[in-house]
Protein backbone atom coordinates (compact mmCIF):
# COMPACT_ATOMS: atom_id res chain seq x y z
CA UNK A 1 0.00 0.00 0.00
CA UNK A 2 2.87 2.35 0.89
CA UNK A 3 4.50 1.77 -2.52
CA UNK A 4 1.21 2.41 -4.33
CA UNK A 5 0.85 5.70 -2.47
CA UNK A 6 4.40 6.74 -3.42
CA UNK A 7 3.78 5.87 -7.07
CA UNK A 8 0.52 7.83 -7.04
CA UNK A 9 2.24 10.89 -5.55
CA UNK A 10 4.99 10.71 -8.17
CA UNK A 11 2.46 10.46 -10.98
CA UNK A 12 0.61 13.50 -9.68
CA UNK A 13 3.88 15.44 -9.43
CA UNK A 14 4.81 14.47 -12.99
CA UNK A 15 1.42 15.61 -14.28
CA UNK A 16 1.73 18.92 -12.42
CA UNK A 17 5.23 19.57 -13.76
CA UNK A 18 4.25 18.68 -17.32
CA UNK A 19 1.14 20.87 -17.11
CA UNK A 20 3.02 23.88 -15.74
CA UNK A 21 5.82 23.44 -18.27
CA UNK A 22 3.36 23.13 -21.14
CA UNK A 23 1.49 26.26 -20.02
CA UNK A 24 4.73 28.24 -20.04
CA UNK A 25 5.69 26.96 -23.48
CA UNK A 26 2.19 27.70 -24.74
CA UNK A 27 2.45 31.32 -23.60
CA UNK A 28 5.93 31.80 -25.01
CA UNK A 29 5.54 30.05 -28.36
CA UNK A 30 1.88 30.00 -29.35
CA UNK A 31 1.57 32.81 -31.93
CA UNK A 32 -0.60 35.72 -30.84
CA UNK A 33 -2.36 35.34 -34.20
CA UNK A 34 -3.62 31.87 -33.22
CA UNK A 35 -7.39 32.28 -33.26
CA UNK A 36 -8.10 29.52 -30.72
CA UNK A 37 -7.08 31.84 -27.86
CA UNK A 38 -9.70 34.39 -28.84
CA UNK A 39 -12.25 31.73 -29.73
CA UNK A 40 -12.12 30.19 -26.29
CA UNK A 41 -12.29 33.59 -24.58
CA UNK A 42 -15.51 34.34 -26.46
CA UNK A 43 -16.83 30.84 -25.92
CA UNK A 44 -16.43 31.05 -22.15
CA UNK A 45 -18.33 34.34 -22.06
CA UNK A 46 -21.25 32.83 -23.97
CA UNK A 47 -21.21 29.32 -22.54
CA UNK A 48 -24.68 28.21 -21.57
CA UNK A 49 -26.43 30.65 -23.95
CA UNK A 50 -25.59 29.44 -27.48
CA UNK A 51 -28.64 28.81 -29.65
CA UNK A 52 -27.15 28.62 -33.14
CA UNK A 53 -23.93 26.89 -34.18
CA UNK A 54 -22.00 27.02 -37.45
CA UNK A 55 -19.68 24.06 -37.90
CA UNK A 56 -17.52 22.56 -40.63
CA UNK A 57 -14.25 23.39 -42.32
CA UNK A 58 -12.39 26.67 -42.90
CA UNK A 59 -14.89 27.65 -45.60
CA UNK A 60 -17.50 27.99 -42.84
CA UNK A 61 -15.05 29.47 -40.35
CA UNK A 62 -14.14 32.28 -42.73
CA UNK A 63 -17.51 32.62 -44.40
CA UNK A 64 -20.18 33.03 -41.70
CA UNK A 65 -20.26 35.93 -39.24
CA UNK A 66 -22.01 35.19 -35.93
CA UNK A 67 -22.24 38.91 -35.23
CA UNK A 68 -24.30 39.54 -38.38
CA UNK A 69 -26.35 36.38 -37.95
CA UNK A 70 -27.27 37.42 -34.41
CA UNK A 71 -28.63 40.68 -35.79
CA UNK A 72 -30.48 39.02 -38.66
CA UNK A 73 -32.04 36.13 -36.73
CA UNK A 74 -32.18 37.48 -33.18
CA UNK A 75 -30.13 34.56 -31.89
CA UNK A 76 -26.92 33.84 -29.97
CA UNK A 77 -24.57 32.11 -32.36
CA UNK A 78 -21.03 30.80 -32.52
CA UNK A 79 -18.72 29.63 -35.29
CA UNK A 80 -17.15 26.29 -34.29
CA UNK A 81 -15.66 25.52 -37.70
CA UNK A 82 -11.94 24.77 -38.06
CA UNK A 83 -9.45 24.18 -40.83
CA UNK A 84 -9.83 20.72 -42.44
CA UNK A 85 -12.32 19.68 -39.78
CA UNK A 86 -12.83 15.94 -40.09
CA UNK A 87 -16.27 14.34 -39.84
CA UNK A 88 -15.55 12.61 -36.53
CA UNK A 89 -14.19 15.87 -35.14
CA UNK A 90 -17.36 17.67 -36.18
CA UNK A 91 -19.49 15.11 -34.38
CA UNK A 92 -17.51 15.26 -31.13
CA UNK A 93 -17.13 19.04 -31.14
CA UNK A 94 -20.79 19.66 -31.85
CA UNK A 95 -21.98 17.21 -29.20
CA UNK A 96 -19.68 18.82 -26.62
CA UNK A 97 -21.18 22.25 -27.40
CA UNK A 98 -24.78 21.00 -27.45
CA UNK A 99 -24.43 19.34 -24.05
CA UNK A 100 -23.69 22.66 -22.38
CA UNK A 101 -25.86 25.03 -24.43
CA UNK A 102 -29.52 25.36 -25.51
CA UNK A 103 -28.63 24.76 -29.16
CA UNK A 104 -31.67 24.97 -31.44
CA UNK A 105 -30.15 25.20 -34.92
CA UNK A 106 -26.95 23.88 -36.52
CA UNK A 107 -25.68 25.04 -39.89
CA UNK A 108 -23.50 22.12 -40.98
CA UNK A 109 -21.04 22.95 -43.74
CA UNK A 110 -20.34 20.19 -46.25
CA UNK A 111 -16.78 19.29 -47.23
CA UNK A 112 -16.79 16.98 -50.28
CA UNK A 113 -13.02 17.03 -50.64
CA UNK A 114 -12.54 15.59 -47.15
CA UNK A 115 -15.11 12.86 -47.78
CA UNK A 116 -12.74 11.40 -50.36
CA UNK A 117 -9.55 11.64 -48.31
CA UNK A 118 -7.98 8.79 -46.36
CA UNK A 119 -5.21 10.96 -44.89
CA UNK A 120 -6.26 12.74 -41.70
CA UNK A 121 -3.89 15.52 -40.68
CA UNK A 122 -3.00 15.44 -37.00
CA UNK A 123 -3.00 19.24 -36.96
CA UNK A 124 -6.69 19.29 -37.87
CA UNK A 125 -7.39 17.11 -34.82
CA UNK A 126 -5.54 19.58 -32.60
CA UNK A 127 -7.84 22.39 -33.72
CA UNK A 128 -10.89 20.36 -32.68
CA UNK A 129 -9.39 19.17 -29.38
CA UNK A 130 -8.40 22.69 -28.31
CA UNK A 131 -11.95 23.96 -28.80
CA UNK A 132 -13.44 21.51 -26.31
CA UNK A 133 -13.94 22.83 -22.79
CA UNK A 134 -14.75 19.66 -20.83
CA UNK A 135 -11.95 17.17 -20.14
CA UNK A 136 -14.38 14.26 -20.51
CA UNK A 137 -15.23 15.39 -24.05
CA UNK A 138 -11.55 15.73 -24.87
CA UNK A 139 -10.79 12.28 -23.56
CA UNK A 140 -13.71 10.78 -25.48
CA UNK A 141 -12.44 12.42 -28.68
CA UNK A 142 -8.91 11.11 -28.14
CA UNK A 143 -10.08 7.55 -27.51
CA UNK A 144 -12.59 7.49 -30.33
CA UNK A 145 -10.76 9.33 -33.11
CA UNK A 146 -7.04 9.65 -32.47
CA UNK A 147 -4.35 6.93 -32.56
CA UNK A 148 -2.45 6.85 -29.28
CA UNK A 149 0.82 7.88 -30.94
CA UNK A 150 -0.85 11.22 -31.78
CA UNK A 151 -1.94 11.96 -28.23
CA UNK A 152 1.20 13.83 -27.07
CA UNK A 153 1.12 16.13 -30.11
CA UNK A 154 -2.60 16.78 -29.76
CA UNK A 155 -2.64 17.36 -25.99
CA UNK A 156 0.68 19.14 -25.39
CA UNK A 157 1.53 22.39 -27.10
CA UNK A 158 5.18 21.86 -26.25
CA UNK A 159 5.36 18.96 -28.71
CA UNK A 160 4.04 21.19 -31.50
CA UNK A 161 6.82 23.75 -31.28
CA UNK A 162 9.05 23.42 -34.32
CA UNK A 163 11.91 25.70 -33.33
CA UNK A 164 12.69 26.19 -29.65
CA UNK A 165 15.66 28.41 -30.48
CA UNK A 166 13.79 31.10 -32.38
CA UNK A 167 14.23 33.59 -29.56
CA UNK A 168 13.49 36.61 -31.76
CA UNK A 169 10.02 35.21 -32.37
CA UNK A 170 9.51 34.51 -28.66
CA UNK A 171 10.53 38.05 -27.73
CA UNK A 172 8.15 39.66 -30.23
CA UNK A 173 5.38 37.21 -29.38
CA UNK A 174 5.55 37.82 -25.62
CA UNK A 175 5.92 41.57 -26.10
CA UNK A 176 2.71 41.70 -28.11
CA UNK A 177 0.85 39.42 -25.68
CA UNK A 178 1.62 41.93 -22.93
CA UNK A 179 0.25 44.84 -24.94
CA UNK A 180 -3.18 46.45 -24.66
CA UNK A 181 -3.76 45.66 -28.33
CA UNK A 182 -3.61 41.96 -27.56
CA UNK A 183 -5.70 42.19 -24.41
CA UNK A 184 -8.43 44.25 -26.09
CA UNK A 185 -8.04 42.48 -29.48
CA UNK A 186 -8.02 45.82 -31.28
CA UNK A 187 -5.45 45.00 -33.91
CA UNK A 188 -5.52 44.60 -37.65
CA UNK A 189 -2.63 42.18 -37.51
CA UNK A 190 -4.77 39.15 -36.78
CA UNK A 191 -7.56 37.45 -38.69
CA UNK A 192 -9.88 36.92 -35.77
CA UNK A 193 -13.25 38.68 -35.99
CA UNK A 194 -15.76 37.48 -33.41
CA UNK A 195 -17.27 34.38 -31.81
CA UNK A 196 -15.04 31.85 -33.54
CA UNK A 197 -14.94 33.47 -36.99
CA UNK A 198 -11.85 34.82 -38.69
CA UNK A 199 -11.05 35.97 -42.21
CA UNK A 200 -8.86 38.26 -44.29
CA UNK A 201 -9.86 41.39 -46.17
CA UNK A 202 -7.73 40.78 -49.26
CA UNK A 203 -9.19 39.64 -52.60
CA UNK A 204 -7.82 36.99 -54.93
CA UNK A 205 -6.17 38.12 -58.15
CA UNK A 206 -7.36 35.04 -60.08
CA UNK A 207 -8.95 35.88 -63.45
CA UNK A 208 -12.73 36.06 -63.24
CA UNK A 209 -14.59 33.06 -64.68
CA UNK A 210 -17.86 33.83 -66.48
CA UNK A 211 -18.84 30.57 -68.18
CA UNK A 212 -17.87 26.91 -67.68
CA UNK A 213 -18.41 23.69 -69.54
CA UNK A 214 -19.02 20.57 -67.48
CA UNK A 215 -16.09 18.17 -67.40
CA UNK A 216 -15.46 14.93 -65.56
CA UNK A 217 -16.16 15.48 -61.89
CA UNK A 218 -13.38 15.00 -59.34
CA UNK A 219 -16.02 14.05 -56.76
CA UNK A 220 -17.45 10.57 -57.24
CA UNK A 221 -19.85 9.25 -54.58
CA UNK A 222 -18.48 5.73 -55.12
CA UNK A 223 -15.12 6.98 -53.80
CA UNK A 224 -16.49 8.44 -50.57
CA UNK A 225 -14.80 7.22 -47.40
CA UNK A 226 -17.55 5.19 -45.72
CA UNK A 227 -16.30 5.86 -42.19
CA UNK A 228 -16.43 9.61 -42.81
CA UNK A 229 -19.83 9.35 -44.37
CA UNK A 230 -20.99 7.42 -41.31
CA UNK A 231 -19.77 10.17 -38.97
CA UNK A 232 -21.37 12.85 -41.13
CA UNK A 233 -24.70 11.07 -40.88
CA UNK A 234 -24.10 10.41 -37.19
CA UNK A 235 -23.85 14.17 -36.65
CA UNK A 236 -27.19 14.70 -38.37
CA UNK A 237 -28.74 11.88 -36.35
CA UNK A 238 -27.40 13.38 -33.11
CA UNK A 239 -29.10 16.68 -33.94
CA UNK A 240 -32.41 15.05 -34.78
CA UNK A 241 -32.34 12.90 -31.64
CA UNK A 242 -31.80 16.03 -29.55
CA UNK A 243 -34.46 18.12 -31.31
CA UNK A 244 -31.85 20.33 -32.94
CA UNK A 245 -32.65 21.63 -36.41
CA UNK A 246 -29.78 20.88 -38.81
CA UNK A 247 -29.30 22.69 -42.12
CA UNK A 248 -26.70 21.49 -44.64
CA UNK A 249 -24.84 24.33 -46.31
CA UNK A 250 -22.53 24.19 -49.32
CA UNK A 251 -20.58 27.44 -49.13
CA UNK A 252 -20.05 29.40 -52.36
CA UNK A 253 -16.71 28.90 -54.07
CA UNK A 254 -15.15 30.84 -56.92
CA UNK A 255 -15.70 29.93 -60.54
CA UNK A 256 -12.01 29.07 -60.67
CA UNK A 257 -12.44 26.27 -58.15
CA UNK A 258 -15.65 25.07 -59.77
CA UNK A 259 -13.65 24.72 -62.97
CA UNK A 260 -11.03 22.62 -61.15
CA UNK A 261 -13.72 20.35 -59.72
CA UNK A 262 -14.94 19.54 -63.23
CA UNK A 263 -18.63 19.23 -62.46
CA UNK A 264 -20.19 20.20 -59.15
CA UNK A 265 -23.43 18.41 -60.04
CA UNK A 266 -22.23 15.19 -58.42
CA UNK A 267 -21.53 17.07 -55.18
CA UNK A 268 -24.97 18.66 -55.22
CA UNK A 269 -26.73 15.37 -55.92
CA UNK A 270 -24.79 13.50 -53.22
CA UNK A 271 -25.69 15.93 -50.43
CA UNK A 272 -29.22 16.40 -51.75
CA UNK A 273 -29.65 12.66 -51.32
CA UNK A 274 -28.53 12.82 -47.70
CA UNK A 275 -30.82 15.80 -47.04
CA UNK A 276 -33.77 13.90 -48.50
CA UNK A 277 -32.88 10.80 -46.47
CA UNK A 278 -33.05 12.75 -43.21
CA UNK A 279 -35.72 15.24 -44.33
CA UNK A 280 -33.59 18.30 -43.66
CA UNK A 281 -32.77 21.44 -45.62
CA UNK A 282 -29.80 21.69 -47.98
CA UNK A 283 -28.73 25.10 -49.28
CA UNK A 284 -26.22 24.72 -52.12
CA UNK A 285 -24.92 28.20 -52.78
CA UNK A 286 -23.05 27.03 -55.85
CA UNK A 287 -26.56 26.69 -57.30
CA UNK A 288 -27.51 30.18 -56.04
CA UNK A 289 -29.14 32.17 -58.85
CA UNK A 290 -27.05 35.28 -58.19
CA UNK A 291 -23.80 33.37 -57.60
CA UNK A 292 -21.79 35.11 -60.35
CA UNK A 293 -22.79 38.67 -59.54
CA UNK A 294 -22.96 38.36 -55.75
CA UNK A 295 -19.85 36.25 -55.23
CA UNK A 296 -17.36 37.26 -57.91
CA UNK A 297 -13.65 37.08 -57.18
CA UNK A 298 -13.70 40.37 -55.27
CA UNK A 299 -15.57 38.47 -52.56
CA UNK A 300 -12.93 35.75 -52.20
CA UNK A 301 -9.61 35.66 -50.36
CA UNK A 302 -8.61 32.73 -52.57
CA UNK A 303 -10.46 30.28 -54.79
CA UNK A 304 -12.32 28.59 -51.92
CA UNK A 305 -12.46 31.04 -49.01
CA UNK A 306 -14.65 34.12 -48.85
CA UNK A 307 -12.87 37.23 -47.64
CA UNK A 308 -14.28 39.39 -44.86
CA UNK A 309 -16.40 41.47 -47.21
CA UNK A 310 -17.68 38.33 -48.92
CA UNK A 311 -18.46 36.72 -45.57
CA UNK A 312 -20.60 39.67 -44.49
CA UNK A 313 -22.55 39.55 -47.73
CA UNK A 314 -22.93 35.77 -47.55
CA UNK A 315 -24.14 35.77 -43.94
CA UNK A 316 -26.93 38.17 -44.83
CA UNK A 317 -27.86 36.05 -47.85
CA UNK A 318 -27.84 32.89 -45.73
CA UNK A 319 -30.05 34.54 -43.12
CA UNK A 320 -32.49 35.70 -45.81
CA UNK A 321 -32.70 32.23 -47.38
CA UNK A 322 -33.10 30.56 -43.99
CA UNK A 323 -35.90 32.90 -42.92
CA UNK A 324 -37.70 32.26 -46.21
CA UNK A 325 -37.29 28.53 -45.67
CA UNK A 326 -38.71 28.84 -42.16
CA UNK A 327 -41.69 30.70 -43.58
CA UNK A 328 -42.37 27.86 -46.00
CA UNK A 329 -41.52 29.87 -49.09
CA UNK A 330 -40.45 28.33 -52.40
CA UNK A 331 -36.66 27.93 -52.47
CA UNK A 332 -36.69 28.02 -56.28
CA UNK A 333 -36.65 31.79 -56.08
CA UNK A 334 -33.10 31.51 -54.72
CA UNK A 335 -31.66 28.40 -56.35
CA UNK A 336 -31.36 27.01 -59.88
CA UNK A 337 -31.43 23.39 -60.99
CA UNK A 338 -27.75 23.65 -61.90
CA UNK A 339 -24.70 25.81 -61.22
CA UNK A 340 -25.19 29.24 -62.90
CA UNK A 341 -21.72 29.07 -64.48
CA UNK A 342 -22.94 26.21 -66.68
CA UNK A 343 -25.74 28.22 -68.23
CA UNK A 344 -24.20 31.69 -68.28
CA UNK A 345 -24.48 33.58 -71.57
């Protein structure tokens, strides 16, 4: 018994030392531009009050403004999307939020490119893990979705530091973290906007596409990763089981990316099928009637991400479409039967 007590004490001491060390490294080396710091500050302030959640990949994170949506819908919303957010990460992150908040509506962004991938970046798992507040949710995510060899990298910021000897960076980083700009978040040097959203103001310099011919589609439903599809559907089922309205959203992309994809019809049909299966709404904004004029390249940071101006416009459009849907109006006034680029004159 005495030996067990000594071992237990040593384990506790080790955990304390590792935790303190990791906190110090986190403060010194985590870039002040890292949006998770601001995201969690905002999340803690609103915890227990969130009614609307936006979740998915970086296209959602950069494309939907909670601040505008709150004004348009009279709700309390938060953007829980992250870069390359995997389907299992979406499920675990959403369930962790819903357990602690009166969530009524979820706007679930689709990510066809990730449905085809077999390679899951560890970094994308970190972004999900760091946005969970409860240790039980974090542990559940680790056990369910992350190989044990990834655990140290996911849980400890110290293992993510690439260059411990970049002291110039540390000096500038700490100096800024001690400034009023950092504490009040009044700086144009970061991408963070509000309540989990961040985006840039710049516009892509890609040539504007006006008309496209359909080619062979990169997205083939037969190539979809079944495990990811299962988690995507599991997320929808979780919402329905908990009386949470779920709306599938395909964010607008530039004509340049639509051209690269070959034919976005297969993407539309795939997610339309899932929406019909679960009797939920699906808004495909690459079928939006005013896609070309409303979301030209001036609204995009790059070929797939809306810039800040584009995000503000899109959020208002999304709110308008959603309110019309709630009122039982005909969605054909907003959407075509095909992508507008395929029928442009």
